[in-house]
Amino acid sequence: MAKRDYYDVLGIAKGADAAEIKKAYRQKAKELHPDRNSDNPKAEAQFKEANEAYEVLKDADKKAAYDRYGHAAFENGMGGGGGPRGGGHGDFASAFSDVFDDLFGDFMGGRGGARRGSAQRGNDLRYNLRINLEDAYSGLQKTITVPTAVSCGACNGTGAEGGSEPQTCPTCAGMGKVRAQQGFFTVERTCPTCSGAGQTIKNPCQSCHGTGRVEKEKSLSVNIPAGVETGTRIRLAGEGEAGMRGGPAGDLYIFIEVRDHALFERDGTNLFCRVPVSIATAALGGEIEVPTIDGGRSRVKVPEGSQSGRQMRLRSKGMPALRGGGAGDMFIELVVETPVKLTARQREILREFDSLSEDNNPAGSSFFKSVKNFWDSMKS
């Protein structure tokens, strides 16, 4: 069966230009796609026929050969058309990719996205900030200096000298990509001339060398809210690196690290403070004075007979919650301190006390009673 004329297949006149050919193929591809014509058994064959026609007519050299010799131009090895090499179906991947780019390029990084690639968003920056626990408690306003890239003032971020405009890349026609035919496949690569930007600068700016930005240190005033802790991240929108060639700036992320404190340990919004007490205070009871994170002091009663590890709570004396909701508590942990460097008289008093204190050490009495029972059971 003789092949239909390619122009008739696409429904266009023989003198149609490239834009008319592409437009006609797009219409045929949508009209004849097998997924939309499941009830038409001829649709798939017609769809492949349209692909074959477009594969030849979209190429200037193939089109010229077809206009002169017709289908015979691609028979007996005379050319690289869609007929013999493609099994009569043409290079479907190459043909349909053109239409796919036009339909979905803006969403999938095709032609539209490549043209916009000349303006690139700047990188996000990270700044590590170490603060004291007192600053985390009260919050603070702090000025930081960040090394970054800012928009070039000489060219207003365009990268072009003297206010001139970048030009469309002649190699990729603004796509940012070039295509190469390899057998049955069409391979896309980043354009080597513009490095994917889609534009070239004839006269690069002398200050920024065509990048549209320059290296500079920037001072920023940062508000650190009360209640931050190690790992808290603060985002400053638009304070990152300037974009390439007029693109939007990135963001600056400040990561908080709270230094360890000499007196307090933190667990969320709660604070813990270990306070040493003498044997006499622990045994007889008494009152001690402890510091608080706000710089104040509180008096705490030590119950008679307190042991090491005993905790007392000071409500709402801890850290403030980051997003409101009150404050945590402060826990006082007693550490009963054993005296050192005793005088002779102190030793004498302690020995006398020890001889009179058989019933004053309940924990010790209980422990040694358990030890005796253990040994007795082992003997039996």
Protein backbone atom coordinates (compact mmCIF):
# COMPACT_ATOMS: atom_id res chain seq x y z
CA MET A 1 0.00 0.00 0.00
CA ALA A 2 1.47 3.35 -1.07
CA LYS A 3 2.41 5.79 1.65
CA ARG A 4 0.33 8.92 2.01
CA ASP A 5 1.95 12.25 1.31
CA TYR A 6 3.42 13.63 4.53
CA TYR A 7 1.83 17.03 3.99
CA ASP A 8 -1.57 15.38 3.56
CA VAL A 9 -0.99 13.32 6.73
CA LEU A 10 -0.56 16.53 8.74
CA GLY A 11 -3.19 18.42 6.75
CA ILE A 12 -0.92 21.26 5.61
CA ALA A 13 0.18 22.79 2.33
CA LYS A 14 3.52 21.83 0.77
CA GLY A 15 5.01 25.27 1.35
CA ALA A 16 4.26 25.28 5.10
CA ASP A 17 6.98 26.67 7.34
CA ALA A 18 8.38 25.12 10.53
CA ALA A 19 5.87 26.81 12.83
CA GLU A 20 2.89 25.62 10.75
CA ILE A 21 4.32 22.08 10.65
CA LYS A 22 4.75 21.96 14.41
CA LYS A 23 1.30 23.40 15.05
CA ALA A 24 -0.33 20.86 12.72
CA TYR A 25 1.55 17.99 14.37
CA ARG A 26 0.53 19.10 17.84
CA GLN A 27 -3.10 19.04 16.81
CA LYS A 28 -2.77 15.61 15.17
CA ALA A 29 -0.87 14.18 18.15
CA LYS A 30 -3.58 15.25 20.58
CA GLU A 31 -6.37 14.17 18.23
CA LEU A 32 -4.97 10.72 17.39
CA HIS A 33 -3.23 9.70 20.63
CA PRO A 34 -4.18 6.04 21.38
CA ASP A 35 -5.06 6.84 24.99
CA ARG A 36 -7.84 9.13 23.77
CA ASN A 37 -9.05 6.77 21.04
CA SER A 38 -9.40 3.41 22.69
CA ASP A 39 -12.53 2.73 20.61
CA ASN A 40 -10.80 3.48 17.29
CA PRO A 41 -8.56 0.59 16.13
CA LYS A 42 -7.01 2.76 13.39
CA ALA A 43 -5.94 5.55 15.74
CA GLU A 44 -2.59 4.01 16.71
CA ALA A 45 -1.52 3.51 13.08
CA GLN A 46 -2.58 7.06 12.20
CA PHE A 47 -0.75 8.39 15.24
CA LYS A 48 2.48 6.66 14.16
CA GLU A 49 1.97 7.92 10.62
CA ALA A 50 1.76 11.50 11.90
CA ASN A 51 4.93 10.97 13.97
CA GLU A 52 6.78 9.71 10.89
CA ALA A 53 5.63 12.67 8.82
CA TYR A 54 6.64 15.20 11.46
CA GLU A 55 10.06 13.57 11.99
CA VAL A 56 10.87 14.23 8.33
CA LEU A 57 9.24 17.63 7.82
CA LYS A 58 10.60 19.25 10.99
CA ASP A 59 14.19 18.69 9.76
CA ALA A 60 15.22 21.21 7.09
CA ASP A 61 17.53 18.78 5.25
CA LYS A 62 15.07 15.89 5.31
CA LYS A 63 12.25 18.19 4.27
CA ALA A 64 14.25 19.46 1.27
CA ALA A 65 15.04 15.89 0.21
CA TYR A 66 11.38 14.87 0.58
CA ASP A 67 10.16 17.91 -1.39
CA ARG A 68 12.50 16.92 -4.26
CA TYR A 69 12.29 13.11 -4.28
CA GLY A 70 9.22 12.25 -2.19
CA HIS A 71 9.30 8.99 -0.23
CA ALA A 72 12.05 7.68 -2.50
CA ALA A 73 14.49 10.00 -0.73
CA PHE A 74 14.50 7.68 2.27
CA GLU A 75 14.51 4.34 0.51
CA ASN A 76 17.56 2.16 -0.29
CA GLY A 77 19.70 3.98 2.29
CA MET A 78 19.37 7.37 0.60
CA GLY A 79 18.64 9.25 3.83
CA GLY A 80 17.93 9.20 7.51
CA GLY A 81 14.15 9.56 7.42
CA GLY A 82 11.62 7.89 9.58
CA GLY A 83 10.86 5.06 7.16
CA PRO A 84 13.27 2.12 7.06
CA ARG A 85 15.30 2.85 10.20
CA GLY A 86 12.28 3.45 12.38
CA GLY A 87 10.31 0.49 11.09
CA GLY A 88 7.87 2.87 9.39
CA HIS A 89 7.13 4.72 12.60
CA GLY A 90 9.73 7.49 12.57
CA ASP A 91 11.67 8.65 15.61
CA PHE A 92 8.70 8.94 17.96
CA ALA A 93 10.74 9.99 21.01
CA SER A 94 12.36 12.89 19.18
CA ALA A 95 9.15 14.04 17.48
CA PHE A 96 6.92 13.89 20.51
CA SER A 97 9.48 15.49 22.81
CA ASP A 98 9.14 18.74 20.86
CA VAL A 99 5.42 18.82 21.52
CA PHE A 100 5.87 17.69 25.13
CA ASP A 101 8.28 20.58 25.75
CA ASP A 102 5.79 23.09 24.37
CA LEU A 103 2.89 21.72 26.39
CA PHE A 104 4.62 21.04 29.70
CA GLY A 105 7.96 22.90 29.57
CA ASP A 106 6.94 25.49 32.13
CA PHE A 107 6.19 22.79 34.70
CA MET A 108 8.80 20.17 33.88
CA GLY A 109 11.87 22.33 33.17
CA GLY A 110 11.45 22.46 29.39
CA ARG A 111 11.88 25.41 27.09
CA GLY A 112 10.06 27.98 29.19
CA GLY A 113 11.97 27.01 32.31
CA ALA A 114 15.27 27.17 30.46
CA ARG A 115 14.69 30.73 29.31
CA ARG A 116 14.01 31.75 32.86
CA GLY A 117 17.21 29.99 33.90
CA SER A 118 19.25 33.10 33.18
CA ALA A 119 18.01 34.53 36.50
CA GLN A 120 18.91 32.07 39.26
CA ARG A 121 17.92 32.18 42.92
CA GLY A 122 20.75 32.79 45.34
CA ASN A 123 21.98 30.13 47.74
CA ASP A 124 20.69 29.86 51.29
CA LEU A 125 23.24 30.64 54.00
CA ARG A 126 23.81 29.17 57.45
CA TYR A 127 25.14 31.10 60.45
CA ASN A 128 25.98 29.38 63.75
CA LEU A 129 25.35 31.64 66.76
CA ARG A 130 26.50 30.72 70.29
CA ILE A 131 24.80 32.46 73.21
CA ASN A 132 24.78 32.17 77.00
CA LEU A 133 21.99 30.52 78.98
CA GLU A 134 21.14 33.90 80.48
CA ASP A 135 20.61 35.30 76.95
CA ALA A 136 18.42 32.33 76.08
CA TYR A 137 16.37 33.09 79.20
CA SER A 138 15.81 36.78 78.53
CA GLY A 139 16.20 36.97 74.74
CA LEU A 140 18.43 39.54 73.05
CA GLN A 141 19.00 41.74 70.03
CA LYS A 142 22.32 40.91 68.39
CA THR A 143 24.19 42.27 65.39
CA ILE A 144 25.95 39.65 63.28
CA THR A 145 28.28 39.98 60.30
CA VAL A 146 27.70 37.54 57.47
CA PRO A 147 30.02 37.04 54.48
CA THR A 148 27.74 36.76 51.46
CA ALA A 149 27.19 37.68 47.83
CA VAL A 150 25.16 40.83 47.19
CA SER A 151 23.69 42.28 44.02
CA CYS A 152 26.29 44.17 41.98
CA GLY A 153 25.60 47.90 42.12
CA ALA A 154 27.57 48.68 38.95
CA CYS A 155 25.25 46.66 36.69
CA ASN A 156 22.16 46.44 38.94
CA GLY A 157 22.55 42.67 39.07
CA THR A 158 22.27 42.07 35.30
CA GLY A 159 25.93 41.10 34.83
CA ALA A 160 26.19 43.32 31.73
CA GLU A 161 28.42 46.37 31.46
CA GLY A 162 26.90 49.82 31.09
CA GLY A 163 23.31 48.76 31.54
CA SER A 164 23.27 46.64 28.35
CA GLU A 165 20.99 43.62 28.23
CA PRO A 166 22.03 39.96 28.03
CA GLN A 167 21.46 38.38 24.62
CA THR A 168 19.79 35.10 23.71
CA CYS A 169 22.39 32.36 23.39
CA PRO A 170 22.98 31.64 19.67
CA THR A 171 23.88 28.01 20.29
CA CYS A 172 20.71 26.89 22.11
CA ALA A 173 18.35 29.73 21.08
CA GLY A 174 17.64 30.47 24.75
CA MET A 175 16.74 26.88 25.72
CA GLY A 176 19.79 26.33 27.90
CA LYS A 177 20.08 22.84 26.39
CA VAL A 178 21.25 21.36 23.11
CA ARG A 179 20.08 18.13 21.52
CA ALA A 180 22.06 15.45 19.77
CA GLN A 181 20.71 12.47 17.81
CA GLN A 182 22.18 9.11 18.88
CA GLY A 183 20.57 6.26 17.01
CA PHE A 184 16.94 6.05 18.02
CA PHE A 185 17.38 8.47 20.92
CA THR A 186 17.58 12.22 21.28
CA VAL A 187 19.98 13.23 24.07
CA GLU A 188 19.75 16.63 25.78
CA ARG A 189 22.83 18.26 27.29
CA THR A 190 23.49 21.57 29.02
CA CYS A 191 24.46 24.17 26.46
CA PRO A 192 28.28 24.56 26.50
CA THR A 193 28.12 28.20 25.38
CA CYS A 194 25.85 29.63 28.10
CA SER A 195 26.20 26.84 30.72
CA GLY A 196 22.43 26.41 30.77
CA ALA A 197 21.56 30.06 31.35
CA GLY A 198 19.96 30.52 27.92
CA GLN A 199 21.63 33.92 27.59
CA THR A 200 25.10 35.29 26.95
CA ILE A 201 26.61 38.60 27.94
CA LYS A 202 28.58 40.35 25.21
CA ASN A 203 30.13 42.95 27.51
CA PRO A 204 30.42 41.47 31.05
CA CYS A 205 30.41 43.89 33.98
CA GLN A 206 33.95 44.62 35.15
CA SER A 207 32.93 44.63 38.82
CA CYS A 208 31.20 41.25 38.99
CA HIS A 209 32.62 39.60 35.83
CA GLY A 210 29.15 38.91 34.49
CA THR A 211 27.72 37.10 37.52
CA GLY A 212 25.54 40.01 38.67
CA ARG A 213 26.80 39.85 42.26
CA VAL A 214 29.90 40.58 44.34
CA GLU A 215 31.33 39.19 47.59
CA LYS A 216 30.73 41.41 50.62
CA GLU A 217 30.21 41.26 54.39
CA LYS A 218 26.75 42.24 55.53
CA SER A 219 25.73 43.32 59.05
CA LEU A 220 22.31 42.26 60.27
CA SER A 221 20.40 42.89 63.49
CA VAL A 222 18.84 39.65 64.70
CA ASN A 223 16.12 39.30 67.33
CA ILE A 224 16.74 36.19 69.45
CA PRO A 225 13.49 35.37 71.29
CA ALA A 226 13.44 34.22 74.91
CA GLY A 227 13.33 30.45 75.34
CA VAL A 228 15.58 29.40 72.44
CA GLU A 229 17.68 26.30 72.92
CA THR A 230 20.42 24.47 71.07
CA GLY A 231 19.10 23.50 67.63
CA THR A 232 16.59 26.36 67.35
CA ARG A 233 16.59 27.69 63.78
CA ILE A 234 15.72 31.28 62.87
CA ARG A 235 14.98 32.09 59.20
CA LEU A 236 15.62 35.52 57.72
CA ALA A 237 13.91 35.54 54.32
CA GLY A 238 15.85 37.17 51.49
CA GLU A 239 19.03 37.66 53.54
CA GLY A 240 21.01 34.89 51.86
CA GLU A 241 23.17 35.19 48.75
CA ALA A 242 21.94 37.48 46.00
CA GLY A 243 20.58 35.72 42.91
CA MET A 244 22.52 35.37 39.69
CA ARG A 245 21.71 38.01 37.06
CA GLY A 246 18.85 39.60 38.92
CA GLY A 247 17.40 36.42 40.42
CA PRO A 248 15.81 36.44 43.91
CA ALA A 249 18.03 36.23 46.98
CA GLY A 250 18.23 33.10 49.11
CA ASP A 251 17.44 32.92 52.83
CA LEU A 252 19.68 33.11 55.89
CA TYR A 253 19.23 30.42 58.55
CA ILE A 254 20.63 31.14 62.02
CA PHE A 255 21.24 28.01 64.12
CA ILE A 256 21.38 28.61 67.87
CA GLU A 257 23.82 26.88 70.21
CA VAL A 258 23.42 27.58 73.96
CA ARG A 259 26.64 27.25 75.95
CA ASP A 260 26.85 25.00 79.01
CA HIS A 261 26.36 26.86 82.29
CA ALA A 262 28.50 26.62 85.41
CA LEU A 263 25.50 26.35 87.76
CA PHE A 264 22.46 25.17 85.83
CA GLU A 265 21.66 22.19 83.65
CA ARG A 266 18.77 22.50 81.25
CA ASP A 267 16.15 19.95 80.22
CA GLY A 268 13.60 21.64 77.97
CA THR A 269 12.08 24.42 80.05
CA ASN A 270 13.25 22.96 83.39
CA LEU A 271 16.50 23.83 85.14
CA PHE A 272 18.49 21.71 87.59
CA CYS A 273 20.95 23.01 90.17
CA ARG A 274 23.07 20.75 92.43
CA VAL A 275 23.64 22.39 95.81
CA PRO A 276 26.13 20.97 98.37
CA VAL A 277 25.01 20.93 102.02
CA SER A 278 26.93 19.99 105.15
CA ILE A 279 26.30 16.83 107.11
CA ALA A 280 24.98 18.91 109.99
CA THR A 281 22.49 20.81 107.78
CA ALA A 282 21.34 17.60 106.11
CA ALA A 283 20.88 15.88 109.50
CA LEU A 284 19.40 18.73 111.50
CA GLY A 285 17.60 20.60 108.71
CA GLY A 286 18.07 24.24 107.93
CA GLU A 287 17.83 26.84 105.21
CA ILE A 288 20.05 27.49 102.21
CA GLU A 289 20.21 30.26 99.61
CA VAL A 290 20.25 29.29 95.93
CA PRO A 291 20.70 31.36 92.73
CA THR A 292 18.04 31.67 90.01
CA ILE A 293 18.57 32.14 86.28
CA ASP A 294 17.14 35.67 86.33
CA GLY A 295 20.03 36.77 88.57
CA GLY A 296 18.01 36.62 91.78
CA ARG A 297 18.22 34.31 94.78
CA SER A 298 15.75 32.12 96.66
CA ARG A 299 15.82 30.62 100.15
CA VAL A 300 15.04 26.92 100.36
CA LYS A 301 14.28 24.91 103.51
CA VAL A 302 16.24 21.68 103.87
CA PRO A 303 14.15 19.04 105.71
CA GLU A 304 15.70 17.26 108.67
CA GLY A 305 17.36 13.98 107.71
CA SER A 306 17.82 14.87 103.98
CA GLN A 307 19.94 12.52 101.89
CA SER A 308 22.05 13.19 98.78
CA GLY A 309 19.88 13.30 95.66
CA ARG A 310 16.84 14.75 97.36
CA GLN A 311 15.13 17.33 95.16
CA MET A 312 13.05 20.40 95.94
CA ARG A 313 11.07 22.28 93.31
CA LEU A 314 10.89 26.02 92.74
CA ARG A 315 7.87 26.52 90.50
CA SER A 316 8.13 28.80 87.44
CA LYS A 317 11.81 29.50 88.10
CA GLY A 318 12.96 27.64 85.00
CA MET A 319 13.24 28.71 81.33
CA PRO A 320 10.41 30.44 79.44
CA ALA A 321 8.63 28.47 76.72
CA LEU A 322 9.72 29.63 73.27
CA ARG A 323 6.24 30.38 71.98
CA GLY A 324 4.61 31.43 75.22
CA GLY A 325 2.78 29.23 77.70
CA GLY A 326 4.62 30.14 80.90
CA ALA A 327 7.93 28.91 82.27
CA GLY A 328 9.35 25.66 83.52
CA ASP A 329 10.47 24.83 87.05
CA MET A 330 13.80 24.82 88.80
CA PHE A 331 14.84 21.72 90.74
CA ILE A 332 17.30 21.89 93.62
CA GLU A 333 19.22 18.64 94.12
CA LEU A 334 20.98 18.25 97.46
CA VAL A 335 24.48 16.85 97.62
CA VAL A 336 25.49 15.95 101.20
CA GLU A 337 29.16 16.83 101.47
CA THR A 338 31.62 14.79 103.50
CA PRO A 339 34.01 17.06 105.44
CA VAL A 340 37.75 16.85 104.74
CA LYS A 341 40.94 17.96 106.55
CA LEU A 342 39.49 17.32 110.01
CA THR A 343 41.15 18.57 113.15
CA ALA A 344 41.89 16.27 116.06
CA ARG A 345 38.93 17.62 117.99
CA GLN A 346 36.60 17.11 115.01
CA ARG A 347 37.78 13.53 114.64
CA GLU A 348 37.14 12.92 118.31
CA ILE A 349 33.61 14.33 118.07
CA LEU A 350 32.81 12.26 114.98
CA ARG A 351 34.04 9.03 116.57
CA GLU A 352 31.94 9.74 119.63
CA PHE A 353 28.93 10.50 117.42
CA ASP A 354 29.47 7.32 115.42
CA SER A 355 29.51 5.21 118.57
CA LEU A 356 26.14 6.66 119.57
CA SER A 357 24.43 6.45 116.18
CA GLU A 358 23.47 2.80 115.78
CA ASP A 359 19.82 3.65 115.16
CA ASN A 360 20.41 6.82 113.14
CA ASN A 361 21.36 5.21 109.81
CA PRO A 362 18.28 3.36 108.53
CA ALA A 363 19.59 2.88 105.01
CA GLY A 364 22.90 1.47 106.23
CA SER A 365 21.19 -0.81 108.77
CA SER A 366 18.85 -2.15 106.08
CA PHE A 367 21.70 -2.75 103.65
CA PHE A 368 23.91 -4.66 106.07
CA LYS A 369 20.96 -6.71 107.27
CA SER A 370 20.38 -7.78 103.66
CA VAL A 371 24.07 -8.61 103.31
CA LYS A 372 23.99 -10.84 106.43
CA ASN A 373 20.92 -12.69 105.12
CA PHE A 374 22.66 -13.19 101.77
CA TRP A 375 25.77 -14.70 103.39
CA ASP A 376 23.68 -16.92 105.64
CA SER A 377 21.76 -18.29 102.68
CA MET A 378 25.02 -19.04 100.84
CA LYS A 379 26.34 -21.01 103.80
CA SER A 380 23.22 -23.16 104.04
